[in-house]
């Protein structure tokens, strides 16, 4: 969920606990060739200069397989043991 502002990430977690990756229908279609399943429940986020936007949990979509090893919390670099 690193592509969402912290407050929107919080809103998404409140709506669907454990959500790992969400995208708008257009973003899911263009980036992953995936489409919301019939009856999939959209989730609300706040949108700049507009009231809200709808996004979908990628688990609630169908289409091409998700990329292997996709990690929403990916990080690189060295971390000391302390």
C-alpha atoms as a PDB file:
ATOM      1  CA  UNK A   1       0.000   0.000   0.000  1.00  0.00           C
ATOM      2  CA  UNK A   2       2.978   2.275  -0.452  1.00  0.00           C
ATOM      3  CA  UNK A   3       1.224   4.045  -3.324  1.00  0.00           C
ATOM      4  CA  UNK A   4      -1.312   5.623  -0.922  1.00  0.00           C
ATOM      5  CA  UNK A   5      -0.875   8.531   1.476  1.00  0.00           C
ATOM      6  CA  UNK A   6      -0.774   7.401   5.132  1.00  0.00           C
ATOM      7  CA  UNK A   7      -4.287   8.645   5.937  1.00  0.00           C
ATOM      8  CA  UNK A   8      -5.756   6.845   2.913  1.00  0.00           C
ATOM      9  CA  UNK A   9      -3.850   3.681   3.882  1.00  0.00           C
ATOM     10  CA  UNK A  10      -5.461   3.954   7.329  1.00  0.00           C
ATOM     11  CA  UNK A  11      -8.916   4.406   5.772  1.00  0.00           C
ATOM     12  CA  UNK A  12      -8.363   1.307   3.660  1.00  0.00           C
ATOM     13  CA  UNK A  13      -7.254  -0.766   6.655  1.00  0.00           C
ATOM     14  CA  UNK A  14     -10.359   0.326   8.580  1.00  0.00           C
ATOM     15  CA  UNK A  15     -12.564  -0.764   5.670  1.00  0.00           C
ATOM     16  CA  UNK A  16     -10.749  -4.046   5.010  1.00  0.00           C
ATOM     17  CA  UNK A  17      -8.383  -5.254   7.704  1.00  0.00           C
ATOM     18  CA  UNK A  18      -5.295  -6.955   6.304  1.00  0.00           C
ATOM     19  CA  UNK A  19      -5.529  -5.343   2.873  1.00  0.00           C
ATOM     20  CA  UNK A  20      -2.170  -5.675   1.133  1.00  0.00           C
ATOM     21  CA  UNK A  21      -2.609  -4.067  -2.299  1.00  0.00           C
ATOM     22  CA  UNK A  22      -5.376  -1.907  -3.724  1.00  0.00           C
ATOM     23  CA  UNK A  23      -5.765  -0.028  -6.978  1.00  0.00           C
ATOM     24  CA  UNK A  24      -8.406   1.857  -8.906  1.00  0.00           C
ATOM     25  CA  UNK A  25     -10.205  -0.096 -11.619  1.00  0.00           C
ATOM     26  CA  UNK A  26      -8.266   1.867 -14.257  1.00  0.00           C
ATOM     27  CA  UNK A  27      -4.892   1.355 -12.554  1.00  0.00           C
ATOM     28  CA  UNK A  28      -5.571  -2.362 -12.115  1.00  0.00           C
ATOM     29  CA  UNK A  29      -6.512  -2.654 -15.782  1.00  0.00           C
ATOM     30  CA  UNK A  30      -3.568  -0.642 -17.134  1.00  0.00           C
ATOM     31  CA  UNK A  31      -0.805  -1.948 -14.837  1.00  0.00           C
ATOM     32  CA  UNK A  32      -1.897  -5.549 -14.240  1.00  0.00           C
ATOM     33  CA  UNK A  33      -4.597  -6.302 -16.851  1.00  0.00           C
ATOM     34  CA  UNK A  34      -7.006  -7.135 -14.008  1.00  0.00           C
ATOM     35  CA  UNK A  35     -10.666  -6.161 -13.591  1.00  0.00           C
ATOM     36  CA  UNK A  36     -12.949  -6.027 -10.533  1.00  0.00           C
ATOM     37  CA  UNK A  37     -14.980  -9.207 -10.054  1.00  0.00           C
ATOM     38  CA  UNK A  38     -18.725  -8.881 -10.416  1.00  0.00           C
ATOM     39  CA  UNK A  39     -20.114  -7.766  -7.073  1.00  0.00           C
ATOM     40  CA  UNK A  40     -16.698  -6.684  -5.751  1.00  0.00           C
ATOM     41  CA  UNK A  41     -17.059  -4.087  -3.009  1.00  0.00           C
ATOM     42  CA  UNK A  42     -15.170  -0.864  -3.760  1.00  0.00           C
ATOM     43  CA  UNK A  43     -13.244   0.855  -0.997  1.00  0.00           C
ATOM     44  CA  UNK A  44     -13.243   4.637  -0.502  1.00  0.00           C
ATOM     45  CA  UNK A  45     -10.226   6.910  -0.260  1.00  0.00           C
ATOM     46  CA  UNK A  46     -10.005  10.681  -0.163  1.00  0.00           C
ATOM     47  CA  UNK A  47      -9.063  12.245  -3.498  1.00  0.00           C
ATOM     48  CA  UNK A  48      -7.255  15.572  -4.005  1.00  0.00           C
ATOM     49  CA  UNK A  49      -9.595  18.277  -5.338  1.00  0.00           C
ATOM     50  CA  UNK A  50     -12.512  15.860  -5.207  1.00  0.00           C
ATOM     51  CA  UNK A  51     -14.532  14.135  -2.559  1.00  0.00           C
ATOM     52  CA  UNK A  52     -13.530  10.463  -2.850  1.00  0.00           C
ATOM     53  CA  UNK A  53     -12.201   7.814  -5.211  1.00  0.00           C
ATOM     54  CA  UNK A  54     -12.976   4.102  -5.436  1.00  0.00           C
ATOM     55  CA  UNK A  55     -10.273   1.443  -5.260  1.00  0.00           C
ATOM     56  CA  UNK A  56     -10.421  -2.350  -5.146  1.00  0.00           C
ATOM     57  CA  UNK A  57      -8.481  -4.949  -3.209  1.00  0.00           C
ATOM     58  CA  UNK A  58      -6.508  -6.814  -5.850  1.00  0.00           C
ATOM     59  CA  UNK A  59      -7.827 -10.059  -4.313  1.00  0.00           C
ATOM     60  CA  UNK A  60     -11.263  -8.907  -5.515  1.00  0.00           C
ATOM     61  CA  UNK A  61     -10.099  -8.680  -9.134  1.00  0.00           C
ATOM     62  CA  UNK A  62      -9.608 -11.213 -11.902  1.00  0.00           C
ATOM     63  CA  UNK A  63      -7.456 -11.347 -15.004  1.00  0.00           C
ATOM     64  CA  UNK A  64      -3.746 -11.822 -15.514  1.00  0.00           C
ATOM     65  CA  UNK A  65      -1.838 -13.317 -12.556  1.00  0.00           C
ATOM     66  CA  UNK A  66      -0.320 -10.782 -10.172  1.00  0.00           C
ATOM     67  CA  UNK A  67       3.456 -10.339 -10.567  1.00  0.00           C
ATOM     68  CA  UNK A  68       5.473 -12.932  -8.663  1.00  0.00           C
ATOM     69  CA  UNK A  69       7.140 -11.591  -5.555  1.00  0.00           C
ATOM     70  CA  UNK A  70       5.029  -8.450  -5.420  1.00  0.00           C
ATOM     71  CA  UNK A  71       5.604  -7.019  -1.960  1.00  0.00           C
ATOM     72  CA  UNK A  72       3.715  -3.902  -0.879  1.00  0.00           C
ATOM     73  CA  UNK A  73       6.211  -3.330   1.936  1.00  0.00           C
ATOM     74  CA  UNK A  74       9.399  -3.780  -0.057  1.00  0.00           C
ATOM     75  CA  UNK A  75      12.444  -1.983   1.271  1.00  0.00           C
ATOM     76  CA  UNK A  76      16.129  -1.983   0.435  1.00  0.00           C
ATOM     77  CA  UNK A  77      19.232  -1.026   2.326  1.00  0.00           C
ATOM     78  CA  UNK A  78      21.161  -2.044   5.387  1.00  0.00           C
ATOM     79  CA  UNK A  79      19.599  -2.223   8.830  1.00  0.00           C
ATOM     80  CA  UNK A  80      21.754  -2.583  11.946  1.00  0.00           C
ATOM     81  CA  UNK A  81      20.980  -5.434  14.339  1.00  0.00           C
ATOM     82  CA  UNK A  82      20.441  -2.944  17.173  1.00  0.00           C
END
